[in-house]
């Protein structure tokens, strides 16, 4: 059975692996911590799949882009909308 691993801190999809069948309960698969058997959505450019404990969602992924915090430049290193953290994609006037 295929399971999908996610980052325990932010829920971001990390990859997939095969769950192992329980030696004590045939037909029951052991899902490791930090994994779910719920399939993530198809990947889209500029989006990251994030698990919220119940379902996957696609969130903005601007990692590696340069945004602005006032007159300082910031290289985005997180998933989500940088604007929600007060960053702007445009330099100040």
Protein backbone atom coordinates (compact mmCIF):
# COMPACT_ATOMS: atom_id res chain seq x y z
CA UNK A 1 0.00 0.00 0.00
CA UNK A 2 1.35 3.41 -0.97
CA UNK A 3 1.48 6.11 1.75
CA UNK A 4 2.42 9.76 1.48
CA UNK A 5 4.96 11.31 3.87
CA UNK A 6 4.60 14.90 5.06
CA UNK A 7 6.74 17.31 7.06
CA UNK A 8 5.59 17.22 10.72
CA UNK A 9 6.17 20.97 11.09
CA UNK A 10 4.36 22.39 8.08
CA UNK A 11 2.51 19.44 6.51
CA UNK A 12 4.33 19.72 3.18
CA UNK A 13 4.39 16.60 1.03
CA UNK A 14 7.84 14.99 1.18
CA UNK A 15 7.32 11.87 -0.92
CA UNK A 16 5.79 8.44 -0.91
CA UNK A 17 6.71 4.97 0.26
CA UNK A 18 5.29 1.50 0.56
CA UNK A 19 3.62 0.69 3.89
CA UNK A 20 4.49 -2.69 5.38
CA UNK A 21 1.85 -5.29 6.12
CA UNK A 22 1.45 -6.04 9.82
CA UNK A 23 2.98 -9.39 10.78
CA UNK A 24 0.27 -9.77 13.42
CA UNK A 25 -2.73 -8.74 11.33
CA UNK A 26 -2.66 -9.92 7.72
CA UNK A 27 -4.29 -7.39 5.41
CA UNK A 28 -3.60 -4.51 7.80
CA UNK A 29 -0.86 -2.11 6.79
CA UNK A 30 1.34 -0.18 9.19
CA UNK A 31 1.22 3.52 8.31
CA UNK A 32 4.30 5.25 9.74
CA UNK A 33 4.01 8.45 11.73
CA UNK A 34 4.08 11.48 9.46
CA UNK A 35 2.33 9.59 6.67
CA UNK A 36 -1.20 9.22 5.35
CA UNK A 37 -2.82 6.87 2.87
CA UNK A 38 -4.86 9.76 1.43
CA UNK A 39 -3.49 10.60 -2.00
CA UNK A 40 -2.34 14.21 -2.50
CA UNK A 41 -3.67 16.36 -5.35
CA UNK A 42 -1.77 16.54 -8.63
CA UNK A 43 1.17 18.91 -8.45
CA UNK A 44 0.82 22.31 -10.08
CA UNK A 45 3.51 24.88 -10.84
CA UNK A 46 3.92 27.38 -8.01
CA UNK A 47 1.97 25.22 -5.55
CA UNK A 48 2.90 22.76 -2.80
CA UNK A 49 0.70 20.01 -1.39
CA UNK A 50 0.15 20.43 2.36
CA UNK A 51 -1.54 17.97 4.74
CA UNK A 52 -3.65 19.56 7.50
CA UNK A 53 -4.35 16.36 9.42
CA UNK A 54 -7.56 15.63 7.52
CA UNK A 55 -7.01 16.52 3.86
CA UNK A 56 -4.47 17.84 1.38
CA UNK A 57 -4.58 21.34 -0.03
CA UNK A 58 -2.48 23.17 -2.58
CA UNK A 59 -0.82 26.29 -1.19
CA UNK A 60 1.37 28.95 -2.76
CA UNK A 61 5.03 27.97 -3.10
CA UNK A 62 7.34 30.93 -3.64
CA UNK A 63 10.48 29.33 -2.21
CA UNK A 64 13.63 30.69 -3.78
CA UNK A 65 11.96 33.92 -4.90
CA UNK A 66 13.16 37.30 -3.66
CA UNK A 67 10.47 39.37 -1.89
CA UNK A 68 10.77 42.58 0.08
CA UNK A 69 10.37 43.42 3.75
CA UNK A 70 10.43 47.20 3.53
CA UNK A 71 13.79 48.01 1.97
CA UNK A 72 15.32 44.62 2.83
CA UNK A 73 15.31 41.70 0.39
CA UNK A 74 14.19 38.32 1.66
CA UNK A 75 14.62 34.99 -0.11
CA UNK A 76 11.45 33.01 0.61
CA UNK A 77 12.24 29.70 2.33
CA UNK A 78 8.75 28.56 3.38
CA UNK A 79 5.53 27.35 1.75
CA UNK A 80 2.52 29.63 1.85
CA UNK A 81 1.75 33.20 0.87
CA UNK A 82 4.65 35.54 1.75
CA UNK A 83 2.16 38.43 1.74
CA UNK A 84 0.59 36.93 4.86
CA UNK A 85 3.93 37.55 6.61
CA UNK A 86 4.04 41.18 5.50
CA UNK A 87 6.35 40.62 2.52
CA UNK A 88 5.82 42.28 -0.84
CA UNK A 89 6.80 41.01 -4.30
CA UNK A 90 7.63 44.59 -5.34
CA UNK A 91 10.36 46.82 -3.92
CA UNK A 92 9.23 49.92 -2.03
CA UNK A 93 8.72 53.07 -4.06
